Every structure is written in structure tokens, then in C-alpha cells.
């Protein structure tokens, strides 16, 4: 019996650990179809909305694949341990299907798997707008189509709308398949406010249903309005790309020579100081290699600062890269608001950018962190972005 309980806990930890409150380093090096990369290369002035949407759909499938792989590995361990568990309860089929139609008389049901973006307990600034996403599995017998919605159920009414489409295109999710469901939320005014909001699914015939076997567990978002919005909390929902194309944010695998972007809880910087969460970004191992990580859109009020401490790793003598921050208003060309050259000089560069100085406030903005190798790229070219955040706290000079 103890052995059985252990393996149930083992499975639970694996699934919930994929996108929990602490971002997980996931070694993936998948690229998007060549047509999309070509489209991006053909128009580098700004990241178009259709490319953002396509990339997010690809990332959704990659997240599903990762969870599926972890569960399959766990099942293999169970078999080796000769533990008899109902396999149908553990198997996830993450692929999204393209076509439609659900059967009459079926049952709508889903199971929550994990948070994808803005995990419960995250903090954001007053007046910000952000996207909350959940990874869920269709555990009923109905096929979900493009007419299904995520709808406000109860709690704090902080959605920018009462309902959001489950799919942005003609995808479907058959029974057993898994998808990402998203809503756009708005943080109210004032500091030190806590919000809890609950959301349900609505079928194409208007039925509202929640998660769990008894259909009584809605999707939730719990967040605190305080002094900052942390980019590292939302890395899994960012868009990562290098000279070759898109890759999954969270990858730390450099064996293929691709760019990487991943989370570390307390990396050491050149000043030998450690203890703060960070995003690590490195260019691909080619001449002039670039890696970009784009977040948002996040709408911020006047007076918001973007702050971070930038550094090479301390034991990386060949580190030498240009580091840039782009900010983009939807539909316009992104602008460089700050840049620096990072090499191993024993110092840390402080980014303290007041966005309203550039006219950026009360707009839907995307934020891109870019690292470009100077000369030939080297494995030492890993740039540490300590506590990258949007905050209303000005730096102490």
C-alpha cells in the first residue's frame, strides 16, 4: 500500500511540476515549420500578431508533449516496479486535432493539469492586463470545438470580458486530448489587494461545466496586486526564437548549437552575488547568433519601471555579447529602449528603464530581451537577467 501511495505521489509531482510556481527547465529544441520562420525573416520590423498566435499554438502542443513524455516515463517506472495502476487514468494524448464535430448525448468534463502562465500566487502591478493560462485535459466523452468558451463563473470579476473562445481557430480537442485554456485578466487599482477569480468551460450548446469527476472544480486564478510583475514567472508563456526559428522557452540544452532561454532560482553573477531568481539567455553557437525572448502583451500604467541586473556568469572568461531590450506597441515597430555590452569584467549592469520616458504607458506592450554574440558565439555567452520585472518602485540612486 505504501508503495502504491508513493507512485501516485510520484506521478502527481511530475505532472504538477511541469509548469508550477517555479518555472522548470525543459530540454526541448523543436522549431516551428519553415513557412513561419520564413515569414518572420521576411518582416523583421515587428512580430506580427498572426506569428505570435501561431507560435503560441506550437508552444501549446510542445507543453502537451512534455507532460505526455513525463507521464509515459512514470508509467514505465511503475511497470518496472510491478505496480498495478489503471493506465487509462494516467495517459494523456496531447495532440490537437483539426476538424470538428461532437456527438449528441455526450458528457462534458475536464481535469486541471497545471498552470501555464501567471501561476497562482503571482504578483502584478496595479492597472496591468495579463493572460492567465491553464493546461487542461478533456476527460469527458464530448469533442470540444471552436464554439466552446472559457466563461466567468464566480469570485472577483476581473476578466476583460465575460467569456473567451477556447480555440482561436477551427481546432478541436477529442476526449483524452489536452489543451491550453486562456483568459485575459485586469489587475485593479491600489496595492496589497488580493484577487481570486473562477472560470468554467461552456459547450457549443450552452452547457457550463467545471473540472473534476463531479464537475465542481472551476479553473482559478489567484494573484496579488503589489509592486511588481516578474517576467521569470511567465517564461513558459513567452515566445523564444533564434537565427534558425522558434524554440521552446525553458530549454537549457546547447548540444545542438541552438539558442537557449531558461529559469534559474539563484545563479551567481560576476560580482559573485547569488540568491535571486533569473532568466538565462544565450545565443546560438554561430557567428552573429541572436536569441530573443518576447513577453506580453502586458499593459502598464504611467510611472512603471523595467528593471533587471545583467551579467555574464562569473567563470565565463570568453563571454562577450550585446544585450538589448525592445518594447513594442501592438502593430508598430519595436524600439530599443536600452542596450549594453556584457563581458567578464567583474561588474553587473543595472537596467532601470522608466517606460513612460519613452511614451510607453496605458498601452498593450510586448517586451523582448535579446542577446547577440559579438564575433563567434561561445558557450560562455550565457547572460544572466536577475529579477527581470516591471515595477512601480524607482531605483535607489
Foldseek 3Di string as FASTA:
>chain_A
DVVLVVLVVVLLCLQAVPQAQAHAQDAWFDFDDPVLVVVCVVDVQDQAPVSLQVLLQVLFLVSQVSSQVSLVVSVVVCVVVVHDDDVVVRHADADWAFDDDWDPPWDWAKAWRYWQAQHAAFEAAAFKKFKTKTKMAGQIQTKAWQLKWKAWDDWDPFFPDRIDTQDPDGIIHGHRYMGMGMTMGTHHDDFFDKTKTFIFMAGNVGDTFAHDPVRPHTDMHIYGHHFWGFVSSGQQSKWKAKNVHTIGASHPDCPVQAKYKHKDAWAAFLLRGTGFIWIKTFFGQFFFIKMKIKDWQMAAAAQKKWKWKKGFHNPQQPAWKKKWKWKDFHPGGTDTQDIDIYHNPSDIDMGIGRVVVVPGHRTRMMMMIMITGHGGGDPSHMMITGRGIIGNDGDDD
